[in-house]
Amino acid sequence: MAEHTLTVTTDNFAEAIDADAPILIDFWAEWCGPCRMVAPILDEIASENPGKITIGKLNVDENPSLAAAHDVMSIPTMILFHQGKEQRRIVGARPKHAIVAELAQFLT
């Protein structure tokens, strides 16, 4: 796990999404190639935007009930929460510029 990301599980999920700062939760799995491709991009975004956004990593194999509760049907799925509410959903691997564009209003 990269130093700029937060490991999210059933134990801390509610607390993580209720924070004042937006959090982008990456629903991923070890065996997922596209998930491994997007991971360093998300770490870069986190390190370039300290205090503006948190990047959370939620392993769907270890937390299947959370994935099901949020209708995650394929991975990677990245869901941006702000003050407990889903604001954006990005499904599939995307280049950095596309992810940043989706998050732009939350990075100001």
PDB file of N, CA and C in Angstrom:
ATOM      1  N   MET A   1       0.847  -1.176   0.000  1.00  0.00           N
ATOM      2  CA  MET A   1       0.000   0.000   0.000  1.00  0.00           C
ATOM      3  C   MET A   1       0.892   1.238   0.000  1.00  0.00           C
ATOM      4  N   ALA A   2       0.557   2.175  -0.798  1.00  0.00           N
ATOM      5  CA  ALA A   2       1.351   3.390  -0.921  1.00  0.00           C
ATOM      6  C   ALA A   2       1.175   4.264   0.316  1.00  0.00           C
ATOM      7  N   GLU A   3       2.154   5.107   0.553  1.00  0.00           N
ATOM      8  CA  GLU A   3       2.145   5.902   1.787  1.00  0.00           C
ATOM      9  C   GLU A   3       1.063   6.971   1.821  1.00  0.00           C
ATOM     10  N   HIS A   4       0.511   7.354   0.695  1.00  0.00           N
ATOM     11  CA  HIS A   4      -0.483   8.427   0.655  1.00  0.00           C
ATOM     12  C   HIS A   4      -1.918   7.925   0.623  1.00  0.00           C
ATOM     13  N   THR A   5      -2.101   6.611   0.762  1.00  0.00           N
ATOM     14  CA  THR A   5      -3.447   6.058   0.682  1.00  0.00           C
ATOM     15  C   THR A   5      -3.868   5.461   2.018  1.00  0.00           C
ATOM     16  N   LEU A   6      -5.169   5.330   2.194  1.00  0.00           N
ATOM     17  CA  LEU A   6      -5.760   4.797   3.410  1.00  0.00           C
ATOM     18  C   LEU A   6      -6.379   3.440   3.099  1.00  0.00           C
ATOM     19  N   THR A   7      -6.066   2.433   3.878  1.00  0.00           N
ATOM     20  CA  THR A   7      -6.713   1.142   3.726  1.00  0.00           C
ATOM     21  C   THR A   7      -8.099   1.242   4.344  1.00  0.00           C
ATOM     22  N   VAL A   8      -9.121   0.932   3.556  1.00  0.00           N
ATOM     23  CA  VAL A   8     -10.505   1.027   4.016  1.00  0.00           C
ATOM     24  C   VAL A   8     -11.074  -0.394   4.134  1.00  0.00           C
ATOM     25  N   THR A   9     -11.741  -0.647   5.255  1.00  0.00           N
ATOM     26  CA  THR A   9     -12.364  -1.943   5.514  1.00  0.00           C
ATOM     27  C   THR A   9     -13.749  -1.697   6.110  1.00  0.00           C
ATOM     28  N   THR A  10     -14.442  -2.774   6.408  1.00  0.00           N
ATOM     29  CA  THR A  10     -15.746  -2.618   7.054  1.00  0.00           C
ATOM     30  C   THR A  10     -15.615  -1.909   8.398  1.00  0.00           C
ATOM     31  N   ASP A  11     -14.471  -2.034   9.034  1.00  0.00           N
ATOM     32  CA  ASP A  11     -14.269  -1.413  10.350  1.00  0.00           C
ATOM     33  C   ASP A  11     -14.188   0.104  10.306  1.00  0.00           C
ATOM     34  N   ASN A  12     -13.654   0.670   9.223  1.00  0.00           N
ATOM     35  CA  ASN A  12     -13.464   2.133   9.190  1.00  0.00           C
ATOM     36  C   ASN A  12     -14.185   2.820   8.035  1.00  0.00           C
ATOM     37  N   PHE A  13     -14.993   2.088   7.277  1.00  0.00           N
ATOM     38  CA  PHE A  13     -15.640   2.658   6.097  1.00  0.00           C
ATOM     39  C   PHE A  13     -16.521   3.860   6.438  1.00  0.00           C
ATOM     40  N   ALA A  14     -17.419   3.702   7.390  1.00  0.00           N
ATOM     41  CA  ALA A  14     -18.358   4.788   7.734  1.00  0.00           C
ATOM     42  C   ALA A  14     -17.603   6.039   8.176  1.00  0.00           C
ATOM     43  N   GLU A  15     -16.596   5.861   8.989  1.00  0.00           N
ATOM     44  CA  GLU A  15     -15.786   6.997   9.443  1.00  0.00           C
ATOM     45  C   GLU A  15     -15.055   7.657   8.273  1.00  0.00           C
ATOM     46  N   ALA A  16     -14.526   6.847   7.365  1.00  0.00           N
ATOM     47  CA  ALA A  16     -13.773   7.373   6.219  1.00  0.00           C
ATOM     48  C   ALA A  16     -14.647   8.230   5.316  1.00  0.00           C
ATOM     49  N   ILE A  17     -15.875   7.779   5.027  1.00  0.00           N
ATOM     50  CA  ILE A  17     -16.707   8.546   4.087  1.00  0.00           C
ATOM     51  C   ILE A  17     -17.390   9.735   4.744  1.00  0.00           C
ATOM     52  N   ASP A  18     -17.448   9.771   6.073  1.00  0.00           N
ATOM     53  CA  ASP A  18     -18.074  10.892   6.775  1.00  0.00           C
ATOM     54  C   ASP A  18     -17.114  12.037   7.053  1.00  0.00           C
ATOM     55  N   ALA A  19     -15.861  11.896   6.683  1.00  0.00           N
ATOM     56  CA  ALA A  19     -14.870  12.948   6.925  1.00  0.00           C
ATOM     57  C   ALA A  19     -15.232  14.209   6.147  1.00  0.00           C
ATOM     58  N   ASP A  20     -14.721  15.338   6.602  1.00  0.00           N
ATOM     59  CA  ASP A  20     -14.985  16.614   5.925  1.00  0.00           C
ATOM     60  C   ASP A  20     -14.352  16.669   4.538  1.00  0.00           C
ATOM     61  N   ALA A  21     -13.153  16.095   4.402  1.00  0.00           N
ATOM     62  CA  ALA A  21     -12.470  16.102   3.108  1.00  0.00           C
ATOM     63  C   ALA A  21     -13.039  14.993   2.225  1.00  0.00           C
ATOM     64  N   PRO A  22     -13.092  15.211   0.920  1.00  0.00           N
ATOM     65  CA  PRO A  22     -13.548  14.147   0.026  1.00  0.00           C
ATOM     66  C   PRO A  22     -12.594  12.956   0.053  1.00  0.00           C
ATOM     67  N   ILE A  23     -13.152  11.782  -0.168  1.00  0.00           N
ATOM     68  CA  ILE A  23     -12.351  10.559  -0.241  1.00  0.00           C
ATOM     69  C   ILE A  23     -12.764   9.779  -1.485  1.00  0.00           C
ATOM     70  N   LEU A  24     -11.771   9.394  -2.266  1.00  0.00           N
ATOM     71  CA  LEU A  24     -11.996   8.546  -3.429  1.00  0.00           C
ATOM     72  C   LEU A  24     -11.633   7.130  -3.011  1.00  0.00           C
ATOM     73  N   ILE A  25     -12.635   6.263  -2.950  1.00  0.00           N
ATOM     74  CA  ILE A  25     -12.376   4.880  -2.553  1.00  0.00           C
ATOM     75  C   ILE A  25     -12.257   4.019  -3.801  1.00  0.00           C
ATOM     76  N   ASP A  26     -11.102   3.372  -3.901  1.00  0.00           N
ATOM     77  CA  ASP A  26     -10.796   2.475  -5.009  1.00  0.00           C
ATOM     78  C   ASP A  26     -11.162   1.057  -4.590  1.00  0.00           C
ATOM     79  N   PHE A  27     -12.217   0.512  -5.196  1.00  0.00           N
ATOM     80  CA  PHE A  27     -12.610  -0.870  -4.966  1.00  0.00           C
ATOM     81  C   PHE A  27     -11.755  -1.716  -5.903  1.00  0.00           C
ATOM     82  N   TRP A  28     -10.909  -2.590  -5.359  1.00  0.00           N
ATOM     83  CA  TRP A  28      -9.909  -3.298  -6.143  1.00  0.00           C
ATOM     84  C   TRP A  28      -9.718  -4.720  -5.604  1.00  0.00           C
ATOM     85  N   ALA A  29      -8.875  -5.494  -6.304  1.00  0.00           N
ATOM     86  CA  ALA A  29      -8.464  -6.831  -5.850  1.00  0.00           C
ATOM     87  C   ALA A  29      -7.053  -7.111  -6.357  1.00  0.00           C
ATOM     88  N   GLU A  30      -6.341  -7.967  -5.624  1.00  0.00           N
ATOM     89  CA  GLU A  30      -4.951  -8.322  -5.975  1.00  0.00           C
ATOM     90  C   GLU A  30      -4.830  -8.876  -7.387  1.00  0.00           C
ATOM     91  N   TRP A  31      -5.784  -9.689  -7.811  1.00  0.00           N
ATOM     92  CA  TRP A  31      -5.717 -10.396  -9.088  1.00  0.00           C
ATOM     93  C   TRP A  31      -6.117  -9.524 -10.277  1.00  0.00           C
ATOM     94  N   CYS A  32      -6.547  -8.304 -10.043  1.00  0.00           N
ATOM     95  CA  CYS A  32      -7.089  -7.426 -11.082  1.00  0.00           C
ATOM     96  C   CYS A  32      -5.980  -6.602 -11.749  1.00  0.00           C
ATOM     97  N   GLY A  33      -5.683  -6.916 -13.001  1.00  0.00           N
ATOM     98  CA  GLY A  33      -4.648  -6.189 -13.746  1.00  0.00           C
ATOM     99  C   GLY A  33      -4.931  -4.703 -13.885  1.00  0.00           C
ATOM    100  N   PRO A  34      -6.128  -4.303 -14.322  1.00  0.00           N
ATOM    101  CA  PRO A  34      -6.426  -2.880 -14.424  1.00  0.00           C
ATOM    102  C   PRO A  34      -6.332  -2.152 -13.075  1.00  0.00           C
ATOM    103  N   CYS A  35      -6.635  -2.868 -11.990  1.00  0.00           N
ATOM    104  CA  CYS A  35      -6.511  -2.261 -10.653  1.00  0.00           C
ATOM    105  C   CYS A  35      -5.048  -1.929 -10.361  1.00  0.00           C
ATOM    106  N   ARG A  36      -4.163  -2.840 -10.729  1.00  0.00           N
ATOM    107  CA  ARG A  36      -2.729  -2.600 -10.516  1.00  0.00           C
ATOM    108  C   ARG A  36      -2.230  -1.461 -11.391  1.00  0.00           C
ATOM    109  N   MET A  37      -2.842  -1.265 -12.563  1.00  0.00           N
ATOM    110  CA  MET A  37      -2.441  -0.168 -13.450  1.00  0.00           C
ATOM    111  C   MET A  37      -2.839   1.194 -12.864  1.00  0.00           C
ATOM    112  N   VAL A  38      -3.995   1.268 -12.239  1.00  0.00           N
ATOM    113  CA  VAL A  38      -4.502   2.542 -11.746  1.00  0.00           C
ATOM    114  C   VAL A  38      -3.915   2.905 -10.373  1.00  0.00           C
ATOM    115  N   ALA A  39      -3.429   1.931  -9.612  1.00  0.00           N
ATOM    116  CA  ALA A  39      -2.928   2.183  -8.256  1.00  0.00           C
ATOM    117  C   ALA A  39      -1.850   3.269  -8.187  1.00  0.00           C
ATOM    118  N   PRO A  40      -0.809   3.231  -9.031  1.00  0.00           N
ATOM    119  CA  PRO A  40       0.201   4.296  -8.933  1.00  0.00           C
ATOM    120  C   PRO A  40      -0.343   5.667  -9.343  1.00  0.00           C
ATOM    121  N   ILE A  41      -1.327   5.687 -10.217  1.00  0.00           N
ATOM    122  CA  ILE A  41      -1.951   6.956 -10.621  1.00  0.00           C
ATOM    123  C   ILE A  41      -2.679   7.565  -9.422  1.00  0.00           C
ATOM    124  N   LEU A  42      -3.411   6.739  -8.688  1.00  0.00           N
ATOM    125  CA  LEU A  42      -4.130   7.234  -7.521  1.00  0.00           C
ATOM    126  C   LEU A  42      -3.172   7.712  -6.441  1.00  0.00           C
ATOM    127  N   ASP A  43      -2.038   7.018  -6.281  1.00  0.00           N
ATOM    128  CA  ASP A  43      -1.047   7.459  -5.305  1.00  0.00           C
ATOM    129  C   ASP A  43      -0.472   8.819  -5.699  1.00  0.00           C
ATOM    130  N   GLU A  44      -0.221   9.017  -6.992  1.00  0.00           N
ATOM    131  CA  GLU A  44       0.267  10.321  -7.465  1.00  0.00           C
ATOM    132  C   GLU A  44      -0.750  11.418  -7.160  1.00  0.00           C
ATOM    133  N   ILE A  45      -2.012  11.160  -7.443  1.00  0.00           N
ATOM    134  CA  ILE A  45      -3.061  12.146  -7.188  1.00  0.00           C
ATOM    135  C   ILE A  45      -3.103  12.489  -5.700  1.00  0.00           C
ATOM    136  N   ALA A  46      -3.006  11.477  -4.853  1.00  0.00           N
ATOM    137  CA  ALA A  46      -3.014  11.706  -3.401  1.00  0.00           C
ATOM    138  C   ALA A  46      -1.813  12.537  -2.971  1.00  0.00           C
ATOM    139  N   SER A  47      -0.627  12.204  -3.478  1.00  0.00           N
ATOM    140  CA  SER A  47       0.579  12.921  -3.055  1.00  0.00           C
ATOM    141  C   SER A  47       0.619  14.347  -3.592  1.00  0.00           C
ATOM    142  N   GLU A  48      -0.042  14.599  -4.714  1.00  0.00           N
ATOM    143  CA  GLU A  48      -0.066  15.940  -5.304  1.00  0.00           C
ATOM    144  C   GLU A  48      -1.164  16.822  -4.716  1.00  0.00           C
ATOM    145  N   ASN A  49      -2.072  16.241  -3.939  1.00  0.00           N
ATOM    146  CA  ASN A  49      -3.209  16.995  -3.403  1.00  0.00           C
ATOM    147  C   ASN A  49      -3.410  16.759  -1.911  1.00  0.00           C
ATOM    148  N   PRO A  50      -2.338  16.917  -1.111  1.00  0.00           N
ATOM    149  CA  PRO A  50      -2.496  16.664   0.325  1.00  0.00           C
ATOM    150  C   PRO A  50      -3.495  17.640   0.947  1.00  0.00           C
ATOM    151  N   GLY A  51      -4.350  17.095   1.792  1.00  0.00           N
ATOM    152  CA  GLY A  51      -5.338  17.927   2.461  1.00  0.00           C
ATOM    153  C   GLY A  51      -6.578  18.226   1.633  1.00  0.00           C
ATOM    154  N   LYS A  52      -6.523  17.941   0.334  1.00  0.00           N
ATOM    155  CA  LYS A  52      -7.677  18.207  -0.542  1.00  0.00           C
ATOM    156  C   LYS A  52      -8.530  16.967  -0.743  1.00  0.00           C
ATOM    157  N   ILE A  53      -7.864  15.821  -0.853  1.00  0.00           N
ATOM    158  CA  ILE A  53      -8.578  14.560  -1.110  1.00  0.00           C
ATOM    159  C   ILE A  53      -7.792  13.422  -0.476  1.00  0.00           C
ATOM    160  N   THR A  54      -8.526  12.437  -0.007  1.00  0.00           N
ATOM    161  CA  THR A  54      -7.923  11.212   0.503  1.00  0.00           C
ATOM    162  C   THR A  54      -8.224  10.112  -0.509  1.00  0.00           C
ATOM    163  N   ILE A  55      -7.248   9.251  -0.721  1.00  0.00           N
ATOM    164  CA  ILE A  55      -7.464   8.084  -1.565  1.00  0.00           C
ATOM    165  C   ILE A  55      -7.534   6.875  -0.646  1.00  0.00           C
ATOM    166  N   GLY A  56      -8.651   6.164  -0.719  1.00  0.00           N
ATOM    167  CA  GLY A  56      -8.838   4.964   0.073  1.00  0.00           C
ATOM    168  C   GLY A  56      -8.801   3.735  -0.817  1.00  0.00           C
ATOM    169  N   LYS A  57      -8.261   2.652  -0.298  1.00  0.00           N
ATOM    170  CA  LYS A  57      -8.163   1.392  -1.041  1.00  0.00           C
ATOM    171  C   LYS A  57      -8.974   0.339  -0.305  1.00  0.00           C
ATOM    172  N   LEU A  58      -9.989  -0.212  -0.993  1.00  0.00           N
ATOM    173  CA  LEU A  58     -10.850  -1.216  -0.389  1.00  0.00           C
ATOM    174  C   LEU A  58     -10.765  -2.504  -1.206  1.00  0.00           C
ATOM    175  N   ASN A  59     -10.213  -3.532  -0.611  1.00  0.00           N
ATOM    176  CA  ASN A  59     -10.060  -4.818  -1.286  1.00  0.00           C
ATOM    177  C   ASN A  59     -11.416  -5.529  -1.280  1.00  0.00           C
ATOM    178  N   VAL A  60     -11.978  -5.752  -2.463  1.00  0.00           N
ATOM    179  CA  VAL A  60     -13.317  -6.346  -2.568  1.00  0.00           C
ATOM    180  C   VAL A  60     -13.335  -7.814  -2.137  1.00  0.00           C
ATOM    181  N   ASP A  61     -12.213  -8.520  -2.247  1.00  0.00           N
ATOM    182  CA  ASP A  61     -12.167  -9.912  -1.807  1.00  0.00           C
ATOM    183  C   ASP A  61     -12.228 -10.005  -0.281  1.00  0.00           C
ATOM    184  N   GLU A  62     -11.676  -9.010   0.396  1.00  0.00           N
ATOM    185  CA  GLU A  62     -11.665  -8.996   1.858  1.00  0.00           C
ATOM    186  C   GLU A  62     -12.903  -8.315   2.444  1.00  0.00           C
ATOM    187  N   ASN A  63     -13.610  -7.515   1.639  1.00  0.00           N
ATOM    188  CA  ASN A  63     -14.768  -6.754   2.099  1.00  0.00           C
ATOM    189  C   ASN A  63     -15.926  -6.856   1.101  1.00  0.00           C
ATOM    190  N   PRO A  64     -16.383  -8.090   0.789  1.00  0.00           N
ATOM    191  CA  PRO A  64     -17.403  -8.247  -0.247  1.00  0.00           C
ATOM    192  C   PRO A  64     -18.734  -7.580   0.085  1.00  0.00           C
ATOM    193  N   SER A  65     -19.070  -7.466   1.344  1.00  0.00           N
ATOM    194  CA  SER A  65     -20.360  -6.858   1.700  1.00  0.00           C
ATOM    195  C   SER A  65     -20.380  -5.367   1.356  1.00  0.00           C
ATOM    196  N   LEU A  66     -19.249  -4.693   1.507  1.00  0.00           N
ATOM    197  CA  LEU A  66     -19.186  -3.269   1.139  1.00  0.00           C
ATOM    198  C   LEU A  66     -19.285  -3.090  -0.368  1.00  0.00           C
ATOM    199  N   ALA A  67     -18.623  -3.956  -1.112  1.00  0.00           N
ATOM    200  CA  ALA A  67     -18.711  -3.876  -2.569  1.00  0.00           C
ATOM    201  C   ALA A  67     -20.153  -4.093  -3.015  1.00  0.00           C
ATOM    202  N   ALA A  68     -20.809  -5.070  -2.448  1.00  0.00           N
ATOM    203  CA  ALA A  68     -22.202  -5.352  -2.811  1.00  0.00           C
ATOM    204  C   ALA A  68     -23.119  -4.203  -2.400  1.00  0.00           C
ATOM    205  N   ALA A  69     -22.912  -3.659  -1.227  1.00  0.00           N
ATOM    206  CA  ALA A  69     -23.758  -2.570  -0.724  1.00  0.00           C
ATOM    207  C   ALA A  69     -23.676  -1.328  -1.605  1.00  0.00           C
ATOM    208  N   HIS A  70     -22.547  -1.158  -2.306  1.00  0.00           N
ATOM    209  CA  HIS A  70     -22.360   0.012  -3.162  1.00  0.00           C
ATOM    210  C   HIS A  70     -22.446  -0.340  -4.647  1.00  0.00           C
ATOM    211  N   ASP A  71     -23.060  -1.474  -4.941  1.00  0.00           N
ATOM    212  CA  ASP A  71     -23.316  -1.895  -6.320  1.00  0.00           C
ATOM    213  C   ASP A  71     -22.066  -1.907  -7.190  1.00  0.00           C
ATOM    214  N   VAL A  72     -20.965  -2.361  -6.632  1.00  0.00           N
ATOM    215  CA  VAL A  72     -19.726  -2.487  -7.401  1.00  0.00           C
ATOM    216  C   VAL A  72     -19.797  -3.814  -8.149  1.00  0.00           C
ATOM    217  N   MET A  73     -19.970  -3.713  -9.463  1.00  0.00           N
ATOM    218  CA  MET A  73     -20.138  -4.904 -10.300  1.00  0.00           C
ATOM    219  C   MET A  73     -18.863  -5.296 -11.031  1.00  0.00           C
ATOM    220  N   SER A  74     -17.958  -4.331 -11.222  1.00  0.00           N
ATOM    221  CA  SER A  74     -16.681  -4.620 -11.856  1.00  0.00           C
ATOM    222  C   SER A  74     -15.626  -3.740 -11.201  1.00  0.00           C
ATOM    223  N   ILE A  75     -14.392  -4.192 -11.322  1.00  0.00           N
ATOM    224  CA  ILE A  75     -13.301  -3.434 -10.722  1.00  0.00           C
ATOM    225  C   ILE A  75     -12.233  -3.154 -11.758  1.00  0.00           C
ATOM    226  N   PRO A  76     -11.502  -2.061 -11.632  1.00  0.00           N
ATOM    227  CA  PRO A  76     -11.619  -1.105 -10.545  1.00  0.00           C
ATOM    228  C   PRO A  76     -12.861  -0.219 -10.681  1.00  0.00           C
ATOM    229  N   THR A  77     -13.476   0.045  -9.558  1.00  0.00           N
ATOM    230  CA  THR A  77     -14.506   1.067  -9.457  1.00  0.00           C
ATOM    231  C   THR A  77     -14.038   2.036  -8.391  1.00  0.00           C
ATOM    232  N   MET A  78     -14.038   3.302  -8.734  1.00  0.00           N
ATOM    233  CA  MET A  78     -13.626   4.347  -7.795  1.00  0.00           C
ATOM    234  C   MET A  78     -14.838   5.216  -7.503  1.00  0.00           C
ATOM    235  N   ILE A  79     -15.179   5.325  -6.231  1.00  0.00           N
ATOM    236  CA  ILE A  79     -16.333   6.120  -5.829  1.00  0.00           C
ATOM    237  C   ILE A  79     -15.845   7.268  -4.948  1.00  0.00           C
ATOM    238  N   LEU A  80     -16.211   8.477  -5.338  1.00  0.00           N
ATOM    239  CA  LEU A  80     -15.860   9.657  -4.559  1.00  0.00           C
ATOM    240  C   LEU A  80     -17.004   9.964  -3.604  1.00  0.00           C
ATOM    241  N   PHE A  81     -16.676   9.973  -2.328  1.00  0.00           N
ATOM    242  CA  PHE A  81     -17.639  10.344  -1.291  1.00  0.00           C
ATOM    243  C   PHE A  81     -17.232  11.690  -0.703  1.00  0.00           C
ATOM    244  N   HIS A  82     -18.206  12.509  -0.416  1.00  0.00           N
ATOM    245  CA  HIS A  82     -17.955  13.761   0.297  1.00  0.00           C
ATOM    246  C   HIS A  82     -19.059  13.925   1.325  1.00  0.00           C
ATOM    247  N   GLN A  83     -18.666  14.026   2.579  1.00  0.00           N
ATOM    248  CA  GLN A  83     -19.583  14.155   3.710  1.00  0.00           C
ATOM    249  C   GLN A  83     -20.646  13.052   3.696  1.00  0.00           C
ATOM    250  N   GLY A  84     -20.192  11.826   3.428  1.00  0.00           N
ATOM    251  CA  GLY A  84     -21.048  10.658   3.510  1.00  0.00           C
ATOM    252  C   GLY A  84     -21.864  10.322   2.280  1.00  0.00           C
ATOM    253  N   LYS A  85     -21.808  11.170   1.269  1.00  0.00           N
ATOM    254  CA  LYS A  85     -22.632  10.944   0.074  1.00  0.00           C
ATOM    255  C   LYS A  85     -21.761  10.679  -1.156  1.00  0.00           C
ATOM    256  N   GLU A  86     -22.228   9.743  -1.991  1.00  0.00           N
ATOM    257  CA  GLU A  86     -21.532   9.473  -3.249  1.00  0.00           C
ATOM    258  C   GLU A  86     -21.687  10.674  -4.167  1.00  0.00           C
ATOM    259  N   GLN A  87     -20.557  11.154  -4.704  1.00  0.00           N
ATOM    260  CA  GLN A  87     -20.551  12.307  -5.599  1.00  0.00           C
ATOM    261  C   GLN A  87     -20.181  11.935  -7.033  1.00  0.00           C
ATOM    262  N   ARG A  88     -19.288  10.980  -7.196  1.00  0.00           N
ATOM    263  CA  ARG A  88     -18.821  10.556  -8.518  1.00  0.00           C
ATOM    264  C   ARG A  88     -18.532   9.066  -8.476  1.00  0.00           C
ATOM    265  N   ARG A  89     -18.620   8.440  -9.658  1.00  0.00           N
ATOM    266  CA  ARG A  89     -18.272   7.026  -9.798  1.00  0.00           C
ATOM    267  C   ARG A  89     -17.497   6.879 -11.094  1.00  0.00           C
ATOM    268  N   ILE A  90     -16.330   6.279 -11.005  1.00  0.00           N
ATOM    269  CA  ILE A  90     -15.479   6.027 -12.161  1.00  0.00           C
ATOM    270  C   ILE A  90     -15.288   4.513 -12.236  1.00  0.00           C
ATOM    271  N   VAL A  91     -15.731   3.911 -13.335  1.00  0.00           N
ATOM    272  CA  VAL A  91     -15.625   2.461 -13.491  1.00  0.00           C
ATOM    273  C   VAL A  91     -14.591   2.166 -14.566  1.00  0.00           C
ATOM    274  N   GLY A  92     -13.643   1.317 -14.220  1.00  0.00           N
ATOM    275  CA  GLY A  92     -12.596   0.940 -15.167  1.00  0.00           C
ATOM    276  C   GLY A  92     -11.354   1.798 -15.018  1.00  0.00           C
ATOM    277  N   ALA A  93     -10.253   1.258 -15.508  1.00  0.00           N
ATOM    278  CA  ALA A  93      -8.986   1.994 -15.473  1.00  0.00           C
ATOM    279  C   ALA A  93      -9.072   3.184 -16.416  1.00  0.00           C
ATOM    280  N   ARG A  94      -8.519   4.287 -15.982  1.00  0.00           N
ATOM    281  CA  ARG A  94      -8.497   5.517 -16.775  1.00  0.00           C
ATOM    282  C   ARG A  94      -7.105   6.137 -16.661  1.00  0.00           C
ATOM    283  N   PRO A  95      -6.707   6.922 -17.651  1.00  0.00           N
ATOM    284  CA  PRO A  95      -5.441   7.643 -17.524  1.00  0.00           C
ATOM    285  C   PRO A  95      -5.580   8.740 -16.460  1.00  0.00           C
ATOM    286  N   LYS A  96      -4.457   9.184 -15.972  1.00  0.00           N
ATOM    287  CA  LYS A  96      -4.436  10.177 -14.894  1.00  0.00           C
ATOM    288  C   LYS A  96      -5.263  11.414 -15.241  1.00  0.00           C
ATOM    289  N   HIS A  97      -5.101  11.942 -16.427  1.00  0.00           N
ATOM    290  CA  HIS A  97      -5.797  13.186 -16.771  1.00  0.00           C
ATOM    291  C   HIS A  97      -7.315  13.013 -16.708  1.00  0.00           C
ATOM    292  N   ALA A  98      -7.814  11.837 -17.053  1.00  0.00           N
ATOM    293  CA  ALA A  98      -9.253  11.587 -17.019  1.00  0.00           C
ATOM    294  C   ALA A  98      -9.760  11.497 -15.579  1.00  0.00           C
ATOM    295  N   ILE A  99      -8.992  10.866 -14.711  1.00  0.00           N
ATOM    296  CA  ILE A  99      -9.388  10.773 -13.300  1.00  0.00           C
ATOM    297  C   ILE A  99      -9.348  12.158 -12.659  1.00  0.00           C
ATOM    298  N   VAL A 100      -8.295  12.915 -12.927  1.00  0.00           N
ATOM    299  CA  VAL A 100      -8.187  14.271 -12.376  1.00  0.00           C
ATOM    300  C   VAL A 100      -9.339  15.138 -12.869  1.00  0.00           C
ATOM    301  N   ALA A 101      -9.731  15.000 -14.119  1.00  0.00           N
ATOM    302  CA  ALA A 101     -10.850  15.782 -14.654  1.00  0.00           C
ATOM    303  C   ALA A 101     -12.147  15.457 -13.904  1.00  0.00           C
ATOM    304  N   GLU A 102     -12.363  14.190 -13.584  1.00  0.00           N
ATOM    305  CA  GLU A 102     -13.554  13.780 -12.831  1.00  0.00           C
ATOM    306  C   GLU A 102     -13.549  14.362 -11.412  1.00  0.00           C
ATOM    307  N   LEU A 103     -12.358  14.553 -10.874  1.00  0.00           N
ATOM    308  CA  LEU A 103     -12.229  15.022  -9.490  1.00  0.00           C
ATOM    309  C   LEU A 103     -12.003  16.523  -9.363  1.00  0.00           C
ATOM    310  N   ALA A 104     -11.910  17.213 -10.484  1.00  0.00           N
ATOM    311  CA  ALA A 104     -11.474  18.618 -10.506  1.00  0.00           C
ATOM    312  C   ALA A 104     -12.182  19.506  -9.505  1.00  0.00           C
ATOM    313  N   GLN A 105     -13.491  19.444  -9.408  1.00  0.00           N
ATOM    314  CA  GLN A 105     -14.200  20.349  -8.509  1.00  0.00           C
ATOM    315  C   GLN A 105     -13.876  20.081  -7.044  1.00  0.00           C
ATOM    316  N   PHE A 106     -13.359  18.899  -6.734  1.00  0.00           N
ATOM    317  CA  PHE A 106     -13.022  18.540  -5.359  1.00  0.00           C
ATOM    318  C   PHE A 106     -11.554  18.795  -5.033  1.00  0.00           C
ATOM    319  N   LEU A 107     -10.771  19.167  -6.019  1.00  0.00           N
ATOM    320  CA  LEU A 107      -9.342  19.396  -5.822  1.00  0.00           C
ATOM    321  C   LEU A 107      -8.987  20.868  -5.706  1.00  0.00           C
ATOM    322  N   THR A 108      -9.975  21.744  -5.681  1.00  0.00           N
ATOM    323  CA  THR A 108      -9.691  23.184  -5.608  1.00  0.00           C
ATOM    324  C   THR A 108      -9.550  23.657  -4.181  1.00  0.00           C
TER     325      THR A 108
END
